[in-house]
Amino acid sequence: MMLSGLGLRCAEYGFRAVARRAVVGIHPHHGFGPGESAMRCFTMLSRNCDVVSACPEPRLRPGVYVYRGFRMDLGLPRRRLEVPVGAVTLVLGFENELRVTDVVGKPRVTGRFRSLLAGLQTRARLGEHDGHLYGMEVVLAPWAAFRLFGVPMHQLSETVVDPEEVLGTKIRELTGALASLPGWEERFVLLDTVLSRWADHGPVCSPQVVWAWRELSRTSGTLSIARLAAETGWGPRHLENRFREQIGLSPKAAARVLRLRHALRLLVGGQAPHQVATACGFSDQAHFNREFKAMTGSSPGRFLADRMANLAGPMSYDRMAGQVTSVVLGT
């Protein structure tokens, strides 16, 4: 697939070159109305680092947010802090490894992975590599991950695992097939085909769970859990059990993540910490600071300083449109 339209801007992901293949019918939540066209998008971040991003096919959306291919030869190690964002991440590595460390509290190495699967997290993790990395990433809503992967999502929450441990040899087969293809467009098409097949054969996520997750997202985690349960027609205990199965966290823990996500967006957007605390429903700035530290391992001021110091560097992009997901740290 030839790439054209250099210099144009993809409204959803903000990349600088747009592939000719259009996909239609994207859910309005992701920036387009039904029938409007979203484009597969491409960007070259530097001479030694390229990232290609694509919208999944319409029937996989809005649950599957984005595909991303990456190939880096940076020459120096890279350290990247990934904060809780309310999404599940599947990385399919073709070459080299990532080292993942839990940085909240006493730092603890989680493991070294060529491919990885991370469910919902309430604590930030640090990803490190030697500057050479090649593979693909799929970012998706937790309820969509439940349908695609067919495992209780609480098995994946608060952890990072080799996906083959959970999903078996089909992950190895998919990764090998993707790596053998000549280009990114062919790989995106294969992902569409395989994930659609998995979705067709996966468990059905409860409509009440999907609705409740979207309501928590819409209200940035501020909606009362008792009210949320009442509007589903379930009791709080039943809602919690379903959330743990199909989302991975309890509604209360999920709300914490979504409130942090909103706070990060406001903070990076220029609001002062005391303004963020008020807007996000914290009792005061000290409460906000404690929660921020507990979930990211950093103070709001330090987080902003680290982010601004590396904002224009390689791999400084955020992994989800309109969200603050990452900070590139010094080597």
C-alpha atoms as a PDB file:
ATOM      1  CA  MET A   1       0.000   0.000   0.000  1.00  0.00           C
ATOM      2  CA  MET A   2       1.542   3.293  -1.083  1.00  0.00           C
ATOM      3  CA  LEU A   3       1.477   6.180   1.361  1.00  0.00           C
ATOM      4  CA  SER A   4       0.274   9.587   0.230  1.00  0.00           C
ATOM      5  CA  GLY A   5      -0.935  12.870   1.671  1.00  0.00           C
ATOM      6  CA  LEU A   6       2.317  13.870   3.404  1.00  0.00           C
ATOM      7  CA  GLY A   7       1.737  16.846   5.674  1.00  0.00           C
ATOM      8  CA  LEU A   8      -1.955  16.107   6.257  1.00  0.00           C
ATOM      9  CA  ARG A   9      -3.169  15.494   9.796  1.00  0.00           C
ATOM     10  CA  CYS A  10      -5.145  12.464  10.903  1.00  0.00           C
ATOM     11  CA  ALA A  11      -7.842  13.846  13.212  1.00  0.00           C
ATOM     12  CA  GLU A  12      -7.792  10.820  15.477  1.00  0.00           C
ATOM     13  CA  TYR A  13      -4.095  10.165  16.000  1.00  0.00           C
ATOM     14  CA  GLY A  14      -2.307  13.333  14.880  1.00  0.00           C
ATOM     15  CA  PHE A  15       0.287  11.666  12.652  1.00  0.00           C
ATOM     16  CA  ARG A  16       1.789  13.498   9.713  1.00  0.00           C
ATOM     17  CA  ALA A  17       1.232  11.217   6.734  1.00  0.00           C
ATOM     18  CA  VAL A  18      -1.915   9.418   5.739  1.00  0.00           C
ATOM     19  CA  ALA A  19      -2.279   6.169   3.843  1.00  0.00           C
ATOM     20  CA  ARG A  20      -4.794   6.056   1.023  1.00  0.00           C
ATOM     21  CA  ARG A  21      -6.962   3.268   2.429  1.00  0.00           C
ATOM     22  CA  ALA A  22      -9.949   4.694   4.317  1.00  0.00           C
ATOM     23  CA  VAL A  23     -12.047   2.984   6.956  1.00  0.00           C
ATOM     24  CA  VAL A  24     -15.578   4.181   7.659  1.00  0.00           C
ATOM     25  CA  GLY A  25     -18.205   3.996  10.389  1.00  0.00           C
ATOM     26  CA  ILE A  26     -15.905   4.780  13.307  1.00  0.00           C
ATOM     27  CA  HIS A  27     -17.736   5.285  16.591  1.00  0.00           C
ATOM     28  CA  PRO A  28     -18.321   8.997  17.423  1.00  0.00           C
ATOM     29  CA  HIS A  29     -16.452   8.543  20.724  1.00  0.00           C
ATOM     30  CA  HIS A  30     -13.243   8.306  18.731  1.00  0.00           C
ATOM     31  CA  GLY A  31     -13.588  11.545  16.862  1.00  0.00           C
ATOM     32  CA  PHE A  32     -15.584  10.727  13.707  1.00  0.00           C
ATOM     33  CA  GLY A  33     -19.304  10.479  13.045  1.00  0.00           C
ATOM     34  CA  PRO A  34     -20.839   7.397  11.413  1.00  0.00           C
ATOM     35  CA  GLY A  35     -19.969   7.290   7.739  1.00  0.00           C
ATOM     36  CA  GLU A  36     -17.101   9.754   8.005  1.00  0.00           C
ATOM     37  CA  SER A  37     -13.733   8.467   6.883  1.00  0.00           C
ATOM     38  CA  ALA A  38     -10.771   7.848   9.107  1.00  0.00           C
ATOM     39  CA  MET A  39      -7.462   7.040   7.457  1.00  0.00           C
ATOM     40  CA  ARG A  40      -4.648   4.688   8.212  1.00  0.00           C
ATOM     41  CA  CYS A  41      -1.848   6.913   9.407  1.00  0.00           C
ATOM     42  CA  PHE A  42       1.938   6.927   9.226  1.00  0.00           C
ATOM     43  CA  THR A  43       4.683   8.970  10.813  1.00  0.00           C
ATOM     44  CA  MET A  44       8.475   8.964  10.771  1.00  0.00           C
ATOM     45  CA  LEU A  45       9.680  10.288  14.111  1.00  0.00           C
ATOM     46  CA  SER A  46      13.352  10.350  13.192  1.00  0.00           C
ATOM     47  CA  ARG A  47      15.743   8.815  10.713  1.00  0.00           C
ATOM     48  CA  ASN A  48      16.250   5.862  13.059  1.00  0.00           C
ATOM     49  CA  CYS A  49      12.743   5.485  14.458  1.00  0.00           C
ATOM     50  CA  ASP A  50       9.480   4.997  12.607  1.00  0.00           C
ATOM     51  CA  VAL A  51       6.018   4.361  13.958  1.00  0.00           C
ATOM     52  CA  VAL A  52       3.031   3.374  11.852  1.00  0.00           C
ATOM     53  CA  SER A  53      -0.455   3.605  13.342  1.00  0.00           C
ATOM     54  CA  ALA A  54      -3.705   2.208  11.979  1.00  0.00           C
ATOM     55  CA  CYS A  55      -7.393   2.221  12.781  1.00  0.00           C
ATOM     56  CA  PRO A  56      -8.760  -1.329  13.105  1.00  0.00           C
ATOM     57  CA  GLU A  57     -11.563  -2.379  10.807  1.00  0.00           C
ATOM     58  CA  PRO A  58     -15.014  -1.009  11.773  1.00  0.00           C
ATOM     59  CA  ARG A  59     -16.453  -4.123  13.395  1.00  0.00           C
ATOM     60  CA  LEU A  60     -13.531  -4.292  15.829  1.00  0.00           C
ATOM     61  CA  ARG A  61     -14.143  -0.712  16.943  1.00  0.00           C
ATOM     62  CA  PRO A  62     -14.718   0.984  19.288  1.00  0.00           C
ATOM     63  CA  GLY A  63     -13.279  -1.763  21.523  1.00  0.00           C
ATOM     64  CA  VAL A  64      -9.953  -2.070  19.693  1.00  0.00           C
ATOM     65  CA  TYR A  65      -8.540   1.449  19.783  1.00  0.00           C
ATOM     66  CA  VAL A  66      -5.451   1.346  17.606  1.00  0.00           C
ATOM     67  CA  TYR A  67      -2.770  -0.797  15.984  1.00  0.00           C
ATOM     68  CA  ARG A  68       0.796   0.434  16.002  1.00  0.00           C
ATOM     69  CA  GLY A  69       3.906  -0.857  14.305  1.00  0.00           C
ATOM     70  CA  PHE A  70       7.343   0.311  15.417  1.00  0.00           C
ATOM     71  CA  ARG A  71      10.925  -0.140  14.351  1.00  0.00           C
ATOM     72  CA  MET A  72      13.715   1.594  16.264  1.00  0.00           C
ATOM     73  CA  ASP A  73      17.455   1.732  15.972  1.00  0.00           C
ATOM     74  CA  LEU A  74      18.162   4.629  18.316  1.00  0.00           C
ATOM     75  CA  GLY A  75      21.728   3.817  19.268  1.00  0.00           C
ATOM     76  CA  LEU A  76      21.108   4.458  22.975  1.00  0.00           C
ATOM     77  CA  PRO A  77      18.971   2.780  25.649  1.00  0.00           C
ATOM     78  CA  ARG A  78      15.505   4.190  26.256  1.00  0.00           C
ATOM     79  CA  ARG A  79      13.441   4.336  29.454  1.00  0.00           C
ATOM     80  CA  ARG A  80       9.726   5.072  29.237  1.00  0.00           C
ATOM     81  CA  LEU A  81       7.277   5.410  32.125  1.00  0.00           C
ATOM     82  CA  GLU A  82       3.810   4.038  31.323  1.00  0.00           C
ATOM     83  CA  VAL A  83       1.072   5.351  33.614  1.00  0.00           C
ATOM     84  CA  PRO A  84      -2.325   3.705  34.256  1.00  0.00           C
ATOM     85  CA  VAL A  85      -4.637   4.644  31.380  1.00  0.00           C
ATOM     86  CA  GLY A  86      -7.597   2.273  31.442  1.00  0.00           C
ATOM     87  CA  ALA A  87      -6.562   0.154  28.454  1.00  0.00           C
ATOM     88  CA  VAL A  88      -5.175  -3.308  27.801  1.00  0.00           C
ATOM     89  CA  THR A  89      -1.972  -3.579  25.779  1.00  0.00           C
ATOM     90  CA  LEU A  90      -0.731  -6.466  23.642  1.00  0.00           C
ATOM     91  CA  VAL A  91       2.812  -6.132  22.289  1.00  0.00           C
ATOM     92  CA  LEU A  92       3.962  -8.602  19.631  1.00  0.00           C
ATOM     93  CA  GLY A  93       7.738  -8.371  19.459  1.00  0.00           C
ATOM     94  CA  PHE A  94       9.741  -9.387  16.387  1.00  0.00           C
ATOM     95  CA  GLU A  95      13.215  -8.578  17.758  1.00  0.00           C
ATOM     96  CA  ASN A  96      14.867  -7.685  21.075  1.00  0.00           C
ATOM     97  CA  GLU A  97      13.354  -7.468  24.546  1.00  0.00           C
ATOM     98  CA  LEU A  98      11.692  -5.024  26.896  1.00  0.00           C
ATOM     99  CA  ARG A  99      12.496  -4.981  30.598  1.00  0.00           C
ATOM    100  CA  VAL A 100       9.490  -3.996  32.716  1.00  0.00           C
ATOM    101  CA  THR A 101       9.858  -2.649  36.256  1.00  0.00           C
ATOM    102  CA  ASP A 102       7.228  -1.777  38.851  1.00  0.00           C
ATOM    103  CA  VAL A 103       8.403   1.662  39.995  1.00  0.00           C
ATOM    104  CA  VAL A 104       5.789   2.489  42.646  1.00  0.00           C
ATOM    105  CA  GLY A 105       7.256   1.876  46.074  1.00  0.00           C
ATOM    106  CA  LYS A 106      10.416  -0.211  46.026  1.00  0.00           C
ATOM    107  CA  PRO A 107      11.397  -0.776  42.343  1.00  0.00           C
ATOM    108  CA  ARG A 108      10.927  -4.406  41.318  1.00  0.00           C
ATOM    109  CA  VAL A 109      11.684  -5.931  37.929  1.00  0.00           C
ATOM    110  CA  THR A 110       8.547  -7.633  36.595  1.00  0.00           C
ATOM    111  CA  GLY A 111      10.350  -9.437  33.796  1.00  0.00           C
ATOM    112  CA  ARG A 112      11.953  -9.327  30.363  1.00  0.00           C
ATOM    113  CA  PHE A 113       9.649  -9.778  27.400  1.00  0.00           C
ATOM    114  CA  ARG A 114       9.857  -9.944  23.634  1.00  0.00           C
ATOM    115  CA  SER A 115       6.039  -9.993  23.559  1.00  0.00           C
ATOM    116  CA  LEU A 116       3.847  -8.933  26.462  1.00  0.00           C
ATOM    117  CA  LEU A 117       0.248  -8.626  27.578  1.00  0.00           C
ATOM    118  CA  ALA A 118      -0.741  -6.074  30.222  1.00  0.00           C
ATOM    119  CA  GLY A 119      -4.231  -5.817  31.687  1.00  0.00           C
ATOM    120  CA  LEU A 120      -5.533  -2.813  33.590  1.00  0.00           C
ATOM    121  CA  GLN A 121      -3.026  -1.363  36.029  1.00  0.00           C
ATOM    122  CA  THR A 122      -3.361   0.973  39.005  1.00  0.00           C
ATOM    123  CA  ARG A 123       0.401   1.577  39.218  1.00  0.00           C
ATOM    124  CA  ALA A 124       2.882   2.914  36.687  1.00  0.00           C
ATOM    125  CA  ARG A 125       5.543   0.670  35.192  1.00  0.00           C
ATOM    126  CA  LEU A 126       8.850   1.455  33.552  1.00  0.00           C
ATOM    127  CA  GLY A 127       9.709  -0.078  30.189  1.00  0.00           C
ATOM    128  CA  GLU A 128      13.371  -0.182  29.137  1.00  0.00           C
ATOM    129  CA  HIS A 129      15.178  -1.415  26.028  1.00  0.00           C
ATOM    130  CA  ASP A 130      18.612  -1.064  24.493  1.00  0.00           C
ATOM    131  CA  GLY A 131      17.472   1.271  21.720  1.00  0.00           C
ATOM    132  CA  HIS A 132      16.659  -1.509  19.247  1.00  0.00           C
ATOM    133  CA  LEU A 133      13.052  -2.623  19.080  1.00  0.00           C
ATOM    134  CA  TYR A 134      10.826  -4.011  16.329  1.00  0.00           C
ATOM    135  CA  GLY A 135       7.251  -5.207  16.590  1.00  0.00           C
ATOM    136  CA  MET A 136       3.585  -4.264  16.874  1.00  0.00           C
ATOM    137  CA  GLU A 137       1.190  -3.092  19.553  1.00  0.00           C
ATOM    138  CA  VAL A 138      -2.579  -3.414  19.957  1.00  0.00           C
ATOM    139  CA  VAL A 139      -4.342  -1.107  22.445  1.00  0.00           C
ATOM    140  CA  LEU A 140      -7.875  -2.047  23.415  1.00  0.00           C
ATOM    141  CA  ALA A 141     -10.664  -1.566  25.912  1.00  0.00           C
ATOM    142  CA  PRO A 142     -10.738  -4.167  28.693  1.00  0.00           C
ATOM    143  CA  TRP A 143     -14.170  -5.487  27.712  1.00  0.00           C
ATOM    144  CA  ALA A 144     -12.919  -5.993  24.143  1.00  0.00           C
ATOM    145  CA  ALA A 145      -9.872  -7.848  25.501  1.00  0.00           C
ATOM    146  CA  PHE A 146     -12.227 -10.166  27.400  1.00  0.00           C
ATOM    147  CA  ARG A 147     -13.992 -11.043  24.162  1.00  0.00           C
ATOM    148  CA  LEU A 148     -10.840 -11.421  22.069  1.00  0.00           C
ATOM    149  CA  PHE A 149      -8.720 -13.344  24.561  1.00  0.00           C
ATOM    150  CA  GLY A 150     -11.459 -15.334  26.286  1.00  0.00           C
ATOM    151  CA  VAL A 151      -9.886 -15.269  29.757  1.00  0.00           C
ATOM    152  CA  PRO A 152     -11.124 -13.681  33.010  1.00  0.00           C
ATOM    153  CA  MET A 153      -9.592 -10.223  32.967  1.00  0.00           C
ATOM    154  CA  HIS A 154      -8.651 -10.292  36.662  1.00  0.00           C
ATOM    155  CA  GLN A 155      -5.946 -12.786  35.631  1.00  0.00           C
ATOM    156  CA  LEU A 156      -4.294  -9.981  33.639  1.00  0.00           C
ATOM    157  CA  SER A 157      -4.873  -6.974  35.904  1.00  0.00           C
ATOM    158  CA  GLU A 158      -1.981  -5.495  37.894  1.00  0.00           C
ATOM    159  CA  THR A 159       0.506  -7.657  36.016  1.00  0.00           C
ATOM    160  CA  VAL A 160       2.496  -8.007  32.811  1.00  0.00           C
ATOM    161  CA  VAL A 161       2.879 -11.467  31.290  1.00  0.00           C
ATOM    162  CA  ASP A 162       4.152 -13.258  28.227  1.00  0.00           C
ATOM    163  CA  PRO A 163       0.941 -13.598  26.180  1.00  0.00           C
ATOM    164  CA  GLU A 164       1.798 -17.159  25.221  1.00  0.00           C
ATOM    165  CA  GLU A 165       1.362 -18.135  28.889  1.00  0.00           C
ATOM    166  CA  VAL A 166      -2.271 -17.034  28.688  1.00  0.00           C
ATOM    167  CA  LEU A 167      -3.262 -17.494  25.054  1.00  0.00           C
ATOM    168  CA  GLY A 168      -1.094 -20.406  24.001  1.00  0.00           C
ATOM    169  CA  THR A 169       0.790 -21.029  20.784  1.00  0.00           C
ATOM    170  CA  LYS A 170      -1.586 -18.965  18.634  1.00  0.00           C
ATOM    171  CA  ILE A 171       0.296 -15.865  19.812  1.00  0.00           C
ATOM    172  CA  ARG A 172       3.621 -17.288  18.632  1.00  0.00           C
ATOM    173  CA  GLU A 173       2.027 -18.226  15.298  1.00  0.00           C
ATOM    174  CA  LEU A 174       0.497 -14.756  14.869  1.00  0.00           C
ATOM    175  CA  THR A 175       3.748 -12.983  15.752  1.00  0.00           C
ATOM    176  CA  GLY A 176       5.719 -15.123  13.311  1.00  0.00           C
ATOM    177  CA  ALA A 177       3.190 -14.536  10.544  1.00  0.00           C
ATOM    178  CA  LEU A 178       3.239 -10.772  11.109  1.00  0.00           C
ATOM    179  CA  ALA A 179       7.050 -10.638  11.138  1.00  0.00           C
ATOM    180  CA  SER A 180       7.238 -12.550   7.841  1.00  0.00           C
ATOM    181  CA  LEU A 181       5.078 -10.054   5.937  1.00  0.00           C
ATOM    182  CA  PRO A 182       6.811  -7.401   3.801  1.00  0.00           C
ATOM    183  CA  GLY A 183       5.112  -4.251   5.098  1.00  0.00           C
ATOM    184  CA  TRP A 184       2.969  -2.595   7.745  1.00  0.00           C
ATOM    185  CA  GLU A 185      -0.207  -2.443   5.679  1.00  0.00           C
ATOM    186  CA  GLU A 186      -0.179  -6.202   5.141  1.00  0.00           C
ATOM    187  CA  ARG A 187       0.376  -6.681   8.867  1.00  0.00           C
ATOM    188  CA  PHE A 188      -2.583  -4.461   9.759  1.00  0.00           C
ATOM    189  CA  VAL A 189      -4.799  -6.468   7.403  1.00  0.00           C
ATOM    190  CA  LEU A 190      -3.674  -9.714   9.039  1.00  0.00           C
ATOM    191  CA  LEU A 191      -4.412  -8.289  12.497  1.00  0.00           C
ATOM    192  CA  ASP A 192      -7.897  -7.342  11.317  1.00  0.00           C
ATOM    193  CA  THR A 193      -8.464 -10.876  10.040  1.00  0.00           C
ATOM    194  CA  VAL A 194      -7.142 -12.709  13.085  1.00  0.00           C
ATOM    195  CA  LEU A 195      -8.700 -10.484  15.743  1.00  0.00           C
ATOM    196  CA  SER A 196     -12.055 -10.601  13.967  1.00  0.00           C
ATOM    197  CA  ARG A 197     -11.899 -14.392  14.054  1.00  0.00           C
ATOM    198  CA  TRP A 198     -11.022 -14.366  17.756  1.00  0.00           C
ATOM    199  CA  ALA A 199     -13.932 -12.006  18.435  1.00  0.00           C
ATOM    200  CA  ASP A 200     -16.329 -14.283  16.544  1.00  0.00           C
ATOM    201  CA  HIS A 201     -15.363 -17.229  18.753  1.00  0.00           C
ATOM    202  CA  GLY A 202     -14.885 -15.373  22.044  1.00  0.00           C
ATOM    203  CA  PRO A 203     -17.239 -14.946  25.002  1.00  0.00           C
ATOM    204  CA  VAL A 204     -19.850 -12.210  24.838  1.00  0.00           C
ATOM    205  CA  CYS A 205     -19.246  -9.315  27.215  1.00  0.00           C
ATOM    206  CA  SER A 206     -22.299  -8.271  29.208  1.00  0.00           C
ATOM    207  CA  PRO A 207     -23.986  -5.145  27.766  1.00  0.00           C
ATOM    208  CA  GLN A 208     -24.374  -3.846  31.328  1.00  0.00           C
ATOM    209  CA  VAL A 209     -20.615  -4.107  31.866  1.00  0.00           C
ATOM    210  CA  VAL A 210     -19.850  -2.300  28.596  1.00  0.00           C
ATOM    211  CA  TRP A 211     -22.373   0.419  29.472  1.00  0.00           C
ATOM    212  CA  ALA A 212     -21.010   0.792  33.022  1.00  0.00           C
ATOM    213  CA  TRP A 213     -17.413   1.029  31.755  1.00  0.00           C
ATOM    214  CA  ARG A 214     -18.405   3.724  29.278  1.00  0.00           C
ATOM    215  CA  GLU A 215     -20.273   5.659  31.961  1.00  0.00           C
ATOM    216  CA  LEU A 216     -17.258   5.556  34.265  1.00  0.00           C
ATOM    217  CA  SER A 217     -15.107   6.718  31.350  1.00  0.00           C
ATOM    218  CA  ARG A 218     -17.539   9.478  30.401  1.00  0.00           C
ATOM    219  CA  THR A 219     -17.636  10.805  33.974  1.00  0.00           C
ATOM    220  CA  SER A 220     -13.871  10.323  34.495  1.00  0.00           C
ATOM    221  CA  GLY A 221     -14.474   7.979  37.404  1.00  0.00           C
ATOM    222  CA  THR A 222     -16.609  10.384  39.432  1.00  0.00           C
ATOM    223  CA  LEU A 223     -19.932   8.541  39.121  1.00  0.00           C
ATOM    224  CA  SER A 224     -21.107   6.909  42.347  1.00  0.00           C
ATOM    225  CA  ILE A 225     -20.596   3.141  42.230  1.00  0.00           C
ATOM    226  CA  ALA A 226     -23.916   2.622  44.026  1.00  0.00           C
ATOM    227  CA  ARG A 227     -25.669   4.668  41.352  1.00  0.00           C
ATOM    228  CA  LEU A 228     -23.780   2.860  38.603  1.00  0.00           C
ATOM    229  CA  ALA A 229     -24.908  -0.504  39.981  1.00  0.00           C
ATOM    230  CA  ALA A 230     -28.499   0.680  40.366  1.00  0.00           C
ATOM    231  CA  GLU A 231     -28.660   1.850  36.764  1.00  0.00           C
ATOM    232  CA  THR A 232     -27.486  -1.550  35.527  1.00  0.00           C
ATOM    233  CA  GLY A 233     -30.209  -3.234  37.558  1.00  0.00           C
ATOM    234  CA  TRP A 234     -27.614  -5.152  39.554  1.00  0.00           C
ATOM    235  CA  GLY A 235     -26.489  -4.974  43.157  1.00  0.00           C
ATOM    236  CA  PRO A 236     -23.006  -3.600  43.946  1.00  0.00           C
ATOM    237  CA  ARG A 237     -21.584  -7.065  44.672  1.00  0.00           C
ATOM    238  CA  HIS A 238     -22.825  -8.498  41.368  1.00  0.00           C
ATOM    239  CA  LEU A 239     -21.453  -5.490  39.449  1.00  0.00           C
ATOM    240  CA  GLU A 240     -18.081  -5.930  41.161  1.00  0.00           C
ATOM    241  CA  ASN A 241     -17.936  -9.629  40.269  1.00  0.00           C
ATOM    242  CA  ARG A 242     -18.792  -8.939  36.631  1.00  0.00           C
ATOM    243  CA  PHE A 243     -16.253  -6.097  36.466  1.00  0.00           C
ATOM    244  CA  ARG A 244     -13.495  -8.287  37.819  1.00  0.00           C
ATOM    245  CA  GLU A 245     -14.333 -10.951  35.248  1.00  0.00           C
ATOM    246  CA  GLN A 246     -14.784  -8.739  32.180  1.00  0.00           C
ATOM    247  CA  ILE A 247     -12.814  -5.559  33.017  1.00  0.00           C
ATOM    248  CA  GLY A 248     -10.190  -6.839  35.446  1.00  0.00           C
ATOM    249  CA  LEU A 249     -10.595  -4.386  38.322  1.00  0.00           C
ATOM    250  CA  SER A 250     -13.422  -3.582  40.686  1.00  0.00           C
ATOM    251  CA  PRO A 251     -15.553  -0.570  39.683  1.00  0.00           C
ATOM    252  CA  LYS A 252     -13.926   1.477  42.456  1.00  0.00           C
ATOM    253  CA  ALA A 253     -10.396   0.645  41.297  1.00  0.00           C
ATOM    254  CA  ALA A 254     -11.348   1.299  37.676  1.00  0.00           C
ATOM    255  CA  ALA A 255     -12.750   4.675  38.711  1.00  0.00           C
ATOM    256  CA  ARG A 256      -9.393   5.561  40.302  1.00  0.00           C
ATOM    257  CA  VAL A 257      -7.626   4.883  37.013  1.00  0.00           C
ATOM    258  CA  LEU A 258     -10.109   6.913  34.989  1.00  0.00           C
ATOM    259  CA  ARG A 259      -9.924   9.832  37.433  1.00  0.00           C
ATOM    260  CA  LEU A 260      -6.125   9.798  37.176  1.00  0.00           C
ATOM    261  CA  ARG A 261      -6.420   9.749  33.383  1.00  0.00           C
ATOM    262  CA  HIS A 262      -8.537  12.903  33.511  1.00  0.00           C
ATOM    263  CA  ALA A 263      -6.196  14.541  36.011  1.00  0.00           C
ATOM    264  CA  LEU A 264      -3.170  13.864  33.795  1.00  0.00           C
ATOM    265  CA  ARG A 265      -4.896  15.415  30.813  1.00  0.00           C
ATOM    266  CA  LEU A 266      -5.740  18.569  32.784  1.00  0.00           C
ATOM    267  CA  LEU A 267      -2.286  18.786  34.354  1.00  0.00           C
ATOM    268  CA  VAL A 268      -0.435  18.467  31.054  1.00  0.00           C
ATOM    269  CA  GLY A 269      -2.954  20.874  29.528  1.00  0.00           C
ATOM    270  CA  GLY A 270      -1.704  23.629  31.828  1.00  0.00           C
ATOM    271  CA  GLN A 271      -3.957  23.585  34.885  1.00  0.00           C
ATOM    272  CA  ALA A 272      -2.317  24.029  38.278  1.00  0.00           C
ATOM    273  CA  PRO A 273      -2.398  21.058  40.669  1.00  0.00           C
ATOM    274  CA  HIS A 274      -4.927  22.726  42.973  1.00  0.00           C
ATOM    275  CA  GLN A 275      -7.232  23.335  39.997  1.00  0.00           C
ATOM    276  CA  VAL A 276      -6.842  19.717  38.885  1.00  0.00           C
ATOM    277  CA  ALA A 277      -7.647  18.498  42.398  1.00  0.00           C
ATOM    278  CA  THR A 278     -10.893  20.468  42.437  1.00  0.00           C
ATOM    279  CA  ALA A 279     -11.930  19.526  38.899  1.00  0.00           C
ATOM    280  CA  CYS A 280     -11.355  15.824  39.511  1.00  0.00           C
ATOM    281  CA  GLY A 281     -13.171  15.611  42.836  1.00  0.00           C
ATOM    282  CA  PHE A 282     -10.211  15.229  45.212  1.00  0.00           C
ATOM    283  CA  SER A 283     -10.807  16.637  48.679  1.00  0.00           C
ATOM    284  CA  ASP A 284      -7.807  18.966  48.362  1.00  0.00           C
ATOM    285  CA  GLN A 285      -4.433  19.266  46.652  1.00  0.00           C
ATOM    286  CA  ALA A 286      -2.710  17.118  49.283  1.00  0.00           C
ATOM    287  CA  HIS A 287      -5.181  14.299  48.550  1.00  0.00           C
ATOM    288  CA  PHE A 288      -4.474  14.667  44.829  1.00  0.00           C
ATOM    289  CA  ASN A 289      -0.712  14.625  45.402  1.00  0.00           C
ATOM    290  CA  ARG A 290      -0.906  11.456  47.503  1.00  0.00           C
ATOM    291  CA  GLU A 291      -3.047   9.645  44.954  1.00  0.00           C
ATOM    292  CA  PHE A 292      -0.837  10.795  42.077  1.00  0.00           C
ATOM    293  CA  LYS A 293       2.281   9.540  43.862  1.00  0.00           C
ATOM    294  CA  ALA A 294       0.629   6.227  44.773  1.00  0.00           C
ATOM    295  CA  MET A 295      -0.299   5.544  41.148  1.00  0.00           C
ATOM    296  CA  THR A 296       2.637   7.006  39.196  1.00  0.00           C
ATOM    297  CA  GLY A 297       5.526   6.917  41.670  1.00  0.00           C
ATOM    298  CA  SER A 298       6.079  10.623  41.036  1.00  0.00           C
ATOM    299  CA  SER A 299       4.798  13.990  42.208  1.00  0.00           C
ATOM    300  CA  PRO A 300       2.757  16.081  39.738  1.00  0.00           C
ATOM    301  CA  GLY A 301       5.592  18.599  39.452  1.00  0.00           C
ATOM    302  CA  ARG A 302       8.251  15.974  38.778  1.00  0.00           C
ATOM    303  CA  PHE A 303       6.017  14.247  36.246  1.00  0.00           C
ATOM    304  CA  LEU A 304       5.520  17.489  34.325  1.00  0.00           C
ATOM    305  CA  ALA A 305       9.234  18.300  34.427  1.00  0.00           C
ATOM    306  CA  ASP A 306      10.189  14.869  33.077  1.00  0.00           C
ATOM    307  CA  ARG A 307       7.576  15.085  30.363  1.00  0.00           C
ATOM    308  CA  MET A 308       8.608  18.552  29.195  1.00  0.00           C
ATOM    309  CA  ALA A 309      12.295  17.605  29.209  1.00  0.00           C
ATOM    310  CA  ASN A 310      11.756  14.861  26.631  1.00  0.00           C
ATOM    311  CA  LEU A 311       8.636  16.022  24.805  1.00  0.00           C
ATOM    312  CA  ALA A 312      10.351  16.352  21.424  1.00  0.00           C
ATOM    313  CA  GLY A 313      12.553  13.271  21.686  1.00  0.00           C
ATOM    314  CA  PRO A 314      12.173   9.938  19.912  1.00  0.00           C
ATOM    315  CA  MET A 315       9.265   7.823  21.152  1.00  0.00           C
ATOM    316  CA  SER A 316       7.786  10.748  23.106  1.00  0.00           C
ATOM    317  CA  TYR A 317       4.279  10.240  21.685  1.00  0.00           C
ATOM    318  CA  ASP A 318       1.338   9.071  23.779  1.00  0.00           C
ATOM    319  CA  ARG A 319      -0.118   5.653  22.991  1.00  0.00           C
ATOM    320  CA  MET A 320      -3.785   6.755  23.023  1.00  0.00           C
ATOM    321  CA  ALA A 321      -5.311   9.712  21.236  1.00  0.00           C
ATOM    322  CA  GLY A 322      -6.145  12.579  23.573  1.00  0.00           C
ATOM    323  CA  GLN A 323      -4.664  10.868  26.642  1.00  0.00           C
ATOM    324  CA  VAL A 324      -1.440  11.242  28.607  1.00  0.00           C
ATOM    325  CA  THR A 325       0.009   7.739  28.719  1.00  0.00           C
ATOM    326  CA  SER A 326       3.781   7.971  28.866  1.00  0.00           C
ATOM    327  CA  VAL A 327       6.897   9.881  29.787  1.00  0.00           C
ATOM    328  CA  VAL A 328      10.284   9.261  28.182  1.00  0.00           C
ATOM    329  CA  LEU A 329      12.918   9.450  30.936  1.00  0.00           C
ATOM    330  CA  GLY A 330      16.617  10.103  30.694  1.00  0.00           C
ATOM    331  CA  THR A 331      18.876   7.184  29.827  1.00  0.00           C
END
